[in-house]
Amino acid sequence: MELKIIKKRKLWYLLSGTLVVLSIFSLIFFKLNLAIDFTGGSLLEIELSDKVNNSIDLTSGNSFAKYLNENVSDNKTGNIVAQKNSSNGFILRFKEVGQSEKDELVKKLKEKVDQNVKEMGFESIGPTLGSELKRNTFKAILIASIAIVLYVAYAFRKVSYPIKSWKYGVIGIIALLHDILITMGVFAVLGKFLNIEVDMLFITALLTILGYSINDTIVIYDRIRENVLKINGEFNSIVDKSINETMARSINTTVTTLLSLVAVFLFGGDSIKMFALALIIGITLGAYSSIFIASPLLVTLHNFENKKKLSK
C-alpha cells in the first residue's frame, strides 16, 4: 500500500514550521552555549589518582564541575566546565588565564580534590582566534551549501520539466536549513538548561548532517527524475510513487546509522557524547525532511508556477 505523503503535505509543513519557529526562538532568547573554541579561554587536562576525596562525585563531568565551582573556582577562572575523557581523566574549561593563574588552580586542585593530581596538558585560546573560528564556520557552511546547489543543478541538468534543475538544489538547501536550524535549536535549549557547550565537534556534526541529509534527498530526487522521464501522469502522483519506492532504502540506511550513533552516545566518552547526539538529531531530521519536506516542496512549487501561468 502506497503512503499518500503529498496529499498530507500541509500537515508536514505545519509540523516542521512549528519546530523551526521554536528553534529560532530558542536561538534568539537562549543562544548557543559556546565553548572556548569560539569565545576564547583556557583548557586544562588532568588525571586523578585513586586517592580522590570520597565526597566528590566523579561519575560525570557535570557533577565534578559542580564541586569545582563550589570549592575551587574564583574570579580569575570564572565558571569551570568539566568534561570526562577517561575513567579518572577530565578536561577543565574556564576563562583565559596565564601560567601563574593556572599553577594556582592546580595547587587548589591538589588541596581540595587530589594531592596526586597530574597535569596532562594546558592551552589557552584568545578571543581573536575564537572570532576567526566563528567566521570560518559560517563560511564553511555557506560554501558547502552553494556547492550542493551547483552540484544538484548539474546532476539534474537533463530534467528541466516540470521543475527547473537548479530549483531541485534550492529546495534541497531549504530542507538542509530545516535540519540545521532544528538541531541548533535543540542544542540552544540543552545549553540553557543542562549547560551543554557547542564546540568544533558540533560544527563537524553540522557539516556531516549537511552531507548526509542531501544524500538522502538526492536519492529520492533521482528516482523522481527517472520516473518523470518514463511515466506519463500528474507530477503529484510521480513524486508520491518515487517517495514510496525509495522510502524503505532511506529508513533502513538511517536506522543502521542511528544504531551505531546511539551506541557511541551511550557508551562513548563524554568528549564525543554531544557529537553523537548532534548527529542522531540531524540524521533523523535529514531522513524526515527528505521524505516529508524536500519532495512535497517540489509539488508545491510546481503547483504555484502552474497557477501563475494560468493567471496570465
Protein backbone atom coordinates (compact mmCIF):
# COMPACT_ATOMS: atom_id res chain seq x y z
CA MET A 1 0.00 0.00 0.00
CA GLU A 2 1.40 3.37 -1.05
CA LEU A 3 1.54 6.16 1.51
CA LYS A 4 -0.05 9.44 0.36
CA ILE A 5 2.76 11.75 1.50
CA ILE A 6 1.97 14.58 -0.91
CA LYS A 7 -1.72 14.69 -0.06
CA LYS A 8 -0.91 15.47 3.60
CA ARG A 9 1.93 17.89 2.84
CA LYS A 10 0.26 20.79 4.73
CA LEU A 11 0.46 18.70 7.90
CA TRP A 12 4.21 18.15 7.40
CA TYR A 13 4.71 21.86 6.68
CA LEU A 14 2.83 22.76 9.87
CA LEU A 15 4.91 20.35 11.98
CA SER A 16 8.22 21.49 10.51
CA GLY A 17 7.24 25.16 10.60
CA THR A 18 6.41 24.88 14.30
CA LEU A 19 9.75 23.20 15.06
CA VAL A 20 11.69 25.79 13.04
CA VAL A 21 9.93 28.72 14.78
CA LEU A 22 10.60 27.18 18.20
CA SER A 23 14.25 26.63 17.22
CA ILE A 24 14.67 30.24 16.06
CA PHE A 25 13.04 31.39 19.31
CA SER A 26 15.47 29.30 21.40
CA LEU A 27 18.48 30.54 19.38
CA ILE A 28 17.44 34.18 19.88
CA PHE A 29 16.49 34.03 23.55
CA PHE A 30 18.64 31.17 24.89
CA LYS A 31 21.54 31.36 22.41
CA LEU A 32 24.08 28.61 21.88
CA ASN A 33 26.36 27.99 24.85
CA LEU A 34 29.67 28.48 23.04
CA ALA A 35 32.78 26.65 24.22
CA ILE A 36 36.21 28.26 24.45
CA ASP A 37 36.86 27.26 20.84
CA PHE A 38 34.70 30.28 19.92
CA THR A 39 34.79 32.55 22.96
CA GLY A 40 38.43 32.13 23.96
CA GLY A 41 39.56 30.66 27.26
CA SER A 42 41.81 28.04 28.82
CA LEU A 43 41.77 24.28 28.78
CA LEU A 44 43.45 22.11 31.42
CA GLU A 45 43.61 18.34 31.11
CA ILE A 46 44.10 16.47 34.39
CA GLU A 47 44.38 12.87 35.55
CA LEU A 48 43.25 11.94 39.06
CA SER A 49 44.68 9.13 41.19
CA ASP A 50 42.76 6.64 43.34
CA LYS A 51 43.08 8.91 46.40
CA VAL A 52 40.34 11.37 45.47
CA ASN A 53 38.18 12.82 48.23
CA ASN A 54 35.30 10.33 48.68
CA SER A 55 32.75 13.15 48.87
CA ILE A 56 33.40 14.11 45.23
CA ASP A 57 31.13 12.61 42.57
CA LEU A 58 33.28 11.70 39.56
CA THR A 59 30.62 9.83 37.61
CA SER A 60 30.16 12.69 35.14
CA GLY A 61 31.71 15.96 34.07
CA ASN A 62 28.72 17.97 35.31
CA SER A 63 28.86 16.61 38.86
CA PHE A 64 32.63 17.18 39.06
CA ALA A 65 32.23 20.71 37.66
CA LYS A 66 29.61 21.47 40.32
CA TYR A 67 32.09 20.55 43.05
CA LEU A 68 34.88 22.59 41.43
CA ASN A 69 32.71 25.70 41.09
CA GLU A 70 31.72 25.47 44.75
CA ASN A 71 35.18 24.74 46.14
CA VAL A 72 37.94 25.61 43.66
CA SER A 73 36.99 28.32 41.14
CA ASP A 74 37.50 32.04 41.76
CA ASN A 75 37.18 35.32 39.85
CA LYS A 76 40.25 34.52 37.75
CA THR A 77 38.99 31.22 36.38
CA GLY A 78 35.26 32.01 36.44
CA ASN A 79 32.83 29.16 35.86
CA ILE A 80 34.62 25.84 35.28
CA VAL A 81 33.19 23.29 32.84
CA ALA A 82 34.44 19.72 33.22
CA GLN A 83 34.40 17.01 30.57
CA LYS A 84 35.19 13.41 31.44
CA ASN A 85 37.60 11.87 28.91
CA SER A 86 38.64 8.66 30.72
CA SER A 87 37.86 6.80 33.94
CA ASN A 88 39.89 9.25 36.05
CA GLY A 89 40.63 11.94 33.46
CA PHE A 90 38.91 15.30 32.96
CA ILE A 91 39.25 18.29 30.67
CA LEU A 92 38.57 21.55 32.51
CA ARG A 93 37.48 24.65 30.58
CA PHE A 94 37.45 28.16 32.08
CA LYS A 95 38.33 31.80 31.41
CA GLU A 96 41.64 32.60 29.72
CA VAL A 97 44.41 32.65 32.35
CA GLY A 98 48.16 32.88 32.36
CA GLN A 99 50.74 30.40 33.63
CA SER A 100 50.71 31.71 37.21
CA GLU A 101 46.90 31.55 37.49
CA LYS A 102 46.96 28.03 36.06
CA ASP A 103 49.59 26.96 38.61
CA GLU A 104 47.41 28.41 41.37
CA LEU A 105 44.43 26.38 40.09
CA VAL A 106 46.48 23.17 40.05
CA LYS A 107 47.58 23.92 43.62
CA LYS A 108 43.93 24.27 44.69
CA LEU A 109 43.06 21.01 42.91
CA LYS A 110 45.74 19.24 44.95
CA GLU A 111 44.40 20.75 48.16
CA LYS A 112 40.68 20.23 47.54
CA VAL A 113 40.45 17.25 45.17
CA ASP A 114 43.50 15.01 44.95
CA GLN A 115 47.04 15.65 46.20
CA ASN A 116 48.37 13.40 43.41
CA VAL A 117 46.52 15.09 40.55
CA LYS A 118 48.54 15.09 37.32
CA GLU A 119 48.54 17.92 34.79
CA MET A 120 48.38 16.27 31.34
CA GLY A 121 48.13 19.39 29.19
CA PHE A 122 47.29 23.09 29.17
CA GLU A 123 46.40 25.56 26.42
CA SER A 124 44.74 28.95 26.03
CA ILE A 125 42.72 30.27 23.12
CA GLY A 126 42.44 34.04 22.76
CA PRO A 127 39.16 35.77 21.82
CA THR A 128 40.59 36.80 18.41
CA LEU A 129 41.12 33.17 17.39
CA GLY A 130 37.65 32.35 18.69
CA SER A 131 36.09 35.06 16.49
CA GLU A 132 38.04 33.79 13.50
CA LEU A 133 36.67 30.28 14.08
CA LYS A 134 33.12 31.69 14.09
CA ARG A 135 33.71 33.37 10.72
CA ASN A 136 35.31 30.28 9.25
CA THR A 137 32.41 28.12 10.47
CA PHE A 138 29.90 30.37 8.73
CA LYS A 139 32.00 30.36 5.56
CA ALA A 140 32.29 26.56 5.60
CA ILE A 141 28.52 26.06 5.87
CA LEU A 142 27.84 28.74 3.22
CA ILE A 143 30.37 27.31 0.75
CA ALA A 144 29.09 23.76 1.31
CA SER A 145 25.50 24.93 0.67
CA ILE A 146 26.43 26.76 -2.56
CA ALA A 147 28.43 23.75 -3.76
CA ILE A 148 25.43 21.49 -3.10
CA VAL A 149 23.09 23.73 -5.15
CA LEU A 150 25.56 23.80 -8.05
CA TYR A 151 26.12 20.05 -7.95
CA VAL A 152 22.39 19.21 -7.84
CA ALA A 153 21.69 21.68 -10.68
CA TYR A 154 24.38 19.99 -12.77
CA ALA A 155 23.27 16.45 -11.91
CA PHE A 156 19.66 17.25 -12.86
CA ARG A 157 20.51 19.38 -15.91
CA LYS A 158 18.71 16.97 -18.29
CA VAL A 159 15.45 17.29 -16.37
CA SER A 160 14.02 20.78 -16.91
CA TYR A 161 10.36 19.74 -16.85
CA PRO A 162 8.22 20.21 -14.86
CA ILE A 163 10.77 21.78 -12.44
CA LYS A 164 13.95 23.56 -13.50
CA SER A 165 17.08 21.61 -12.48
CA TRP A 166 18.55 24.36 -10.27
CA LYS A 167 15.32 24.50 -8.25
CA TYR A 168 15.94 20.95 -7.04
CA GLY A 169 19.13 22.25 -5.47
CA VAL A 170 17.47 25.28 -3.87
CA ILE A 171 14.70 23.14 -2.35
CA GLY A 172 17.35 20.70 -1.13
CA ILE A 173 19.06 23.59 0.67
CA ILE A 174 15.75 24.64 2.27
CA ALA A 175 15.45 21.10 3.66
CA LEU A 176 19.06 21.31 4.89
CA LEU A 177 18.39 24.62 6.67
CA HIS A 178 15.39 22.95 8.30
CA ASP A 179 17.66 20.18 9.65
CA ILE A 180 20.44 22.52 10.77
CA LEU A 181 18.14 25.07 12.43
CA ILE A 182 16.25 22.49 14.47
CA THR A 183 19.48 20.76 15.55
CA MET A 184 20.92 24.10 16.66
CA GLY A 185 17.66 24.95 18.42
CA VAL A 186 17.80 21.71 20.42
CA PHE A 187 21.37 22.50 21.49
CA ALA A 188 20.39 26.05 22.47
CA VAL A 189 17.82 24.53 24.85
CA LEU A 190 20.36 21.98 26.13
CA GLY A 191 22.87 24.78 26.68
CA LYS A 192 20.34 26.83 28.63
CA PHE A 193 19.08 24.09 30.93
CA LEU A 194 21.90 21.48 31.00
CA ASN A 195 24.92 23.74 30.34
CA ILE A 196 25.84 21.77 27.20
CA GLU A 197 28.51 23.59 25.22
CA VAL A 198 28.91 23.91 21.45
CA ASP A 199 32.47 23.35 20.24
CA MET A 200 34.24 22.49 16.98
CA LEU A 201 32.97 18.90 17.15
CA PHE A 202 29.44 20.32 16.92
CA ILE A 203 30.39 22.19 13.76
CA THR A 204 31.83 18.96 12.37
CA ALA A 205 28.50 17.31 13.17
CA LEU A 206 26.58 20.07 11.33
CA LEU A 207 28.72 19.65 8.22
CA THR A 208 28.25 15.88 8.41
CA ILE A 209 24.48 16.40 8.67
CA LEU A 210 24.62 18.60 5.55
CA GLY A 211 26.21 15.80 3.56
CA TYR A 212 24.04 13.04 4.95
CA SER A 213 20.77 14.93 4.50
CA ILE A 214 21.42 16.00 0.91
CA ASN A 215 22.45 12.43 0.10
CA ASP A 216 19.04 11.18 1.27
CA THR A 217 17.28 13.92 -0.68
CA ILE A 218 19.20 13.23 -3.89
CA VAL A 219 18.27 9.54 -3.76
CA ILE A 220 14.57 10.50 -3.85
CA TYR A 221 15.15 13.26 -6.42
CA ASP A 222 17.00 10.83 -8.63
CA ARG A 223 14.04 8.44 -8.58
CA ILE A 224 11.72 11.37 -9.37
CA ARG A 225 13.95 12.23 -12.33
CA GLU A 226 13.79 8.64 -13.61
CA ASN A 227 10.02 8.44 -13.21
CA VAL A 228 9.40 11.82 -14.86
CA LEU A 229 11.19 10.55 -17.96
CA LYS A 230 9.37 7.22 -18.19
CA ILE A 231 5.91 7.78 -16.64
CA ASN A 232 3.12 9.90 -18.07
CA GLY A 233 0.99 11.30 -15.30
CA GLU A 234 0.46 14.11 -12.84
CA PHE A 235 3.58 15.38 -11.09
CA ASN A 236 1.94 14.84 -7.69
CA SER A 237 1.48 11.13 -8.40
CA ILE A 238 5.01 10.73 -9.78
CA VAL A 239 6.56 12.28 -6.66
CA ASP A 240 4.39 10.13 -4.37
CA LYS A 241 5.38 7.00 -6.29
CA SER A 242 9.07 7.94 -6.14
CA ILE A 243 8.93 8.55 -2.37
CA ASN A 244 7.29 5.17 -1.77
CA GLU A 245 9.85 3.40 -3.96
CA THR A 246 12.81 4.85 -2.05
CA MET A 247 11.36 5.10 1.47
CA ALA A 248 12.47 1.62 2.60
CA ARG A 249 16.03 2.36 1.49
CA SER A 250 16.05 5.71 3.35
CA ILE A 251 14.64 4.22 6.55
CA ASN A 252 16.96 1.20 6.53
CA THR A 253 20.06 3.36 5.95
CA THR A 254 19.04 5.82 8.66
CA VAL A 255 18.22 3.15 11.26
CA THR A 256 21.52 1.29 10.79
CA THR A 257 23.43 4.57 11.11
CA LEU A 258 21.46 5.58 14.21
CA LEU A 259 22.14 2.24 15.91
CA SER A 260 25.88 2.94 15.73
CA LEU A 261 25.46 6.53 16.90
CA VAL A 262 23.24 5.55 19.83
CA ALA A 263 25.92 3.06 20.91
CA VAL A 264 28.55 5.83 20.78
CA PHE A 265 26.25 8.17 22.74
CA LEU A 266 25.51 5.59 25.45
CA PHE A 267 28.95 4.02 25.83
CA GLY A 268 31.40 6.57 24.40
CA GLY A 269 33.36 9.10 26.45
CA ASP A 270 31.98 12.47 27.48
CA SER A 271 34.10 14.19 24.84
CA ILE A 272 32.11 12.64 21.94
CA LYS A 273 28.66 12.18 23.51
CA MET A 274 27.33 15.54 22.31
CA PHE A 275 28.88 15.00 18.87
CA ALA A 276 26.96 11.72 18.63
CA LEU A 277 23.76 13.37 19.91
CA ALA A 278 24.00 16.14 17.30
CA LEU A 279 24.38 13.50 14.58
CA ILE A 280 21.45 11.47 15.95
CA ILE A 281 19.18 14.53 15.85
CA GLY A 282 20.43 15.81 12.49
CA ILE A 283 20.42 12.49 10.65
CA THR A 284 16.91 11.69 11.91
CA LEU A 285 15.76 15.13 10.73
CA GLY A 286 17.56 14.59 7.42
CA ALA A 287 15.65 11.38 6.72
CA TYR A 288 12.38 13.08 7.71
CA SER A 289 12.96 16.24 5.65
CA SER A 290 13.99 14.33 2.53
CA ILE A 291 10.67 12.48 2.50
CA PHE A 292 8.24 14.93 4.08
CA ILE A 293 9.67 18.36 3.19
CA ALA A 294 12.04 18.36 0.20
CA SER A 295 9.86 16.18 -2.03
CA PRO A 296 6.47 17.80 -1.22
CA LEU A 297 8.05 21.24 -1.77
CA LEU A 298 8.71 20.24 -5.39
CA VAL A 299 4.97 19.67 -5.84
CA THR A 300 4.08 22.91 -4.04
CA LEU A 301 6.46 24.88 -6.28
CA HIS A 302 5.13 23.14 -9.40
CA ASN A 303 1.52 23.94 -8.46
CA PHE A 304 2.43 27.53 -7.65
CA GLU A 305 4.12 28.01 -11.04
CA ASN A 306 1.12 26.47 -12.82
CA LYS A 307 -1.26 28.88 -11.07
CA LYS A 308 0.92 31.82 -12.13
CA LYS A 309 0.83 30.67 -15.74
CA LEU A 310 -2.96 30.23 -15.67
CA SER A 311 -3.49 33.66 -14.09
CA LYS A 312 -1.62 35.24 -17.01
